[in-house]
Amino acid sequence: MLNWDTTTYDKYTVGSCPKFNLSIAYIGDSDFDVSHYVVLWDNSITQDQVD
């Protein structure tokens, strides 16, 4: 079963803790004077590894 989690600093993850296939982090103006998202997809994590 896939779960989702969110932490401070606008980071969102999808997967099953502690391993997540998808992580999206928002990096705002205060960090680099540029707003953007960082997206990480890890296709190597399978359901067998998170059960």
N, C-alpha and C. Protein backbone atom coordinates (compact mmCIF):
# COMPACT_ATOMS: atom_id res chain seq x y z
N MET A 1 0.84 -1.18 0.00
CA MET A 1 0.00 0.00 0.00
C MET A 1 0.89 1.24 0.00
N LEU A 2 0.55 2.20 -0.83
CA LEU A 2 1.28 3.45 -0.87
C LEU A 2 0.70 4.43 0.13
N ASN A 3 1.56 5.12 0.79
CA ASN A 3 1.16 6.15 1.73
C ASN A 3 1.76 7.47 1.29
N TRP A 4 1.31 8.54 1.88
CA TRP A 4 1.92 9.83 1.60
C TRP A 4 2.29 10.47 2.93
N ASP A 5 3.24 11.37 2.86
CA ASP A 5 3.70 12.05 4.06
C ASP A 5 4.13 13.45 3.67
N THR A 6 4.01 14.37 4.58
CA THR A 6 4.49 15.72 4.34
C THR A 6 5.26 16.17 5.57
N THR A 7 6.31 16.91 5.34
CA THR A 7 7.12 17.43 6.43
C THR A 7 7.17 18.93 6.31
N THR A 8 7.86 19.56 7.23
CA THR A 8 8.01 21.01 7.13
C THR A 8 8.79 21.37 5.89
N TYR A 9 8.81 22.61 5.56
CA TYR A 9 9.52 23.12 4.38
C TYR A 9 8.91 22.64 3.07
N ASP A 10 7.63 22.32 3.05
CA ASP A 10 6.92 21.97 1.82
C ASP A 10 7.54 20.78 1.10
N LYS A 11 7.82 19.72 1.82
CA LYS A 11 8.31 18.49 1.19
C LYS A 11 7.21 17.44 1.26
N TYR A 12 6.91 16.83 0.12
CA TYR A 12 5.87 15.82 0.03
C TYR A 12 6.48 14.52 -0.48
N THR A 13 6.08 13.39 0.09
CA THR A 13 6.61 12.11 -0.34
C THR A 13 5.48 11.12 -0.55
N VAL A 14 5.69 10.21 -1.49
CA VAL A 14 4.72 9.15 -1.78
C VAL A 14 5.47 7.83 -1.75
N GLY A 15 4.94 6.88 -1.04
CA GLY A 15 5.57 5.57 -0.93
C GLY A 15 5.15 4.94 0.37
N SER A 16 5.98 4.10 0.89
CA SER A 16 5.72 3.45 2.16
C SER A 16 6.94 3.63 3.05
N CYS A 17 6.76 4.31 4.15
CA CYS A 17 7.88 4.65 5.03
C CYS A 17 8.66 3.40 5.42
N PRO A 18 9.98 3.41 5.42
CA PRO A 18 10.85 4.58 5.32
C PRO A 18 11.34 4.87 3.90
N LYS A 19 10.87 4.11 2.90
CA LYS A 19 11.36 4.31 1.53
C LYS A 19 10.24 4.90 0.70
N PHE A 20 10.57 5.89 -0.10
CA PHE A 20 9.58 6.57 -0.91
C PHE A 20 10.00 6.59 -2.36
N ASN A 21 9.06 6.29 -3.25
CA ASN A 21 9.33 6.35 -4.68
C ASN A 21 9.38 7.78 -5.19
N LEU A 22 8.54 8.63 -4.65
CA LEU A 22 8.40 9.99 -5.18
C LEU A 22 8.56 11.00 -4.05
N SER A 23 9.43 11.95 -4.25
CA SER A 23 9.59 13.06 -3.31
C SER A 23 9.52 14.36 -4.08
N ILE A 24 8.76 15.31 -3.58
CA ILE A 24 8.65 16.63 -4.19
C ILE A 24 8.94 17.66 -3.10
N ALA A 25 9.91 18.50 -3.34
CA ALA A 25 10.27 19.53 -2.36
C ALA A 25 10.16 20.89 -3.02
N TYR A 26 9.56 21.82 -2.31
CA TYR A 26 9.44 23.20 -2.79
C TYR A 26 10.57 24.01 -2.20
N ILE A 27 11.32 24.68 -3.04
CA ILE A 27 12.39 25.57 -2.59
C ILE A 27 11.96 26.98 -2.94
N GLY A 28 11.74 27.78 -1.92
CA GLY A 28 11.14 29.09 -2.13
C GLY A 28 12.12 30.22 -2.31
N ASP A 29 11.57 31.41 -2.40
CA ASP A 29 12.36 32.62 -2.63
C ASP A 29 13.42 32.85 -1.56
N SER A 30 13.12 32.50 -0.34
CA SER A 30 14.05 32.80 0.74
C SER A 30 15.35 31.99 0.64
N ASP A 31 15.32 30.90 -0.13
CA ASP A 31 16.51 30.07 -0.23
C ASP A 31 17.50 30.58 -1.27
N PHE A 32 17.02 30.80 -2.50
CA PHE A 32 17.93 31.15 -3.60
C PHE A 32 17.42 32.30 -4.45
N ASP A 33 16.45 33.06 -3.97
CA ASP A 33 15.81 34.13 -4.74
C ASP A 33 15.13 33.60 -6.00
N VAL A 34 14.87 32.32 -6.05
CA VAL A 34 14.17 31.70 -7.18
C VAL A 34 13.25 30.63 -6.59
N SER A 35 12.02 30.58 -7.07
CA SER A 35 11.10 29.54 -6.60
C SER A 35 11.11 28.38 -7.58
N HIS A 36 11.27 27.18 -7.07
CA HIS A 36 11.20 26.01 -7.93
C HIS A 36 10.94 24.76 -7.09
N TYR A 37 10.57 23.70 -7.78
CA TYR A 37 10.33 22.42 -7.14
C TYR A 37 11.43 21.45 -7.53
N VAL A 38 11.79 20.59 -6.61
CA VAL A 38 12.73 19.50 -6.89
C VAL A 38 11.92 18.21 -6.81
N VAL A 39 11.96 17.42 -7.88
CA VAL A 39 11.21 16.17 -7.95
C VAL A 39 12.18 15.02 -8.08
N LEU A 40 12.06 14.03 -7.20
CA LEU A 40 12.90 12.84 -7.25
C LEU A 40 12.01 11.62 -7.39
N TRP A 41 12.23 10.85 -8.43
CA TRP A 41 11.52 9.59 -8.63
C TRP A 41 12.53 8.46 -8.56
N ASP A 42 12.36 7.52 -7.65
CA ASP A 42 13.26 6.39 -7.50
C ASP A 42 12.53 5.13 -7.93
N ASN A 43 12.76 4.71 -9.16
CA ASN A 43 12.06 3.56 -9.72
C ASN A 43 12.61 2.24 -9.18
N SER A 44 13.74 2.28 -8.49
CA SER A 44 14.35 1.04 -8.00
C SER A 44 13.66 0.50 -6.75
N ILE A 45 12.84 1.33 -6.09
CA ILE A 45 12.14 0.87 -4.90
C ILE A 45 10.88 0.13 -5.32
N THR A 46 10.80 -1.12 -4.93
CA THR A 46 9.64 -1.94 -5.29
C THR A 46 8.80 -2.20 -4.04
N GLN A 47 7.61 -2.73 -4.25
CA GLN A 47 6.73 -3.03 -3.13
C GLN A 47 7.36 -4.06 -2.19
N ASP A 48 8.14 -5.00 -2.74
CA ASP A 48 8.79 -6.01 -1.90
C ASP A 48 9.76 -5.39 -0.91
N GLN A 49 10.37 -4.28 -1.27
CA GLN A 49 11.35 -3.64 -0.39
C GLN A 49 10.70 -2.85 0.74
N VAL A 50 9.44 -2.52 0.62
CA VAL A 50 8.80 -1.69 1.64
C VAL A 50 7.84 -2.47 2.52
N ASP A 51 7.57 -3.70 2.19
CA ASP A 51 6.66 -4.51 3.02
C ASP A 51 7.34 -5.01 4.28
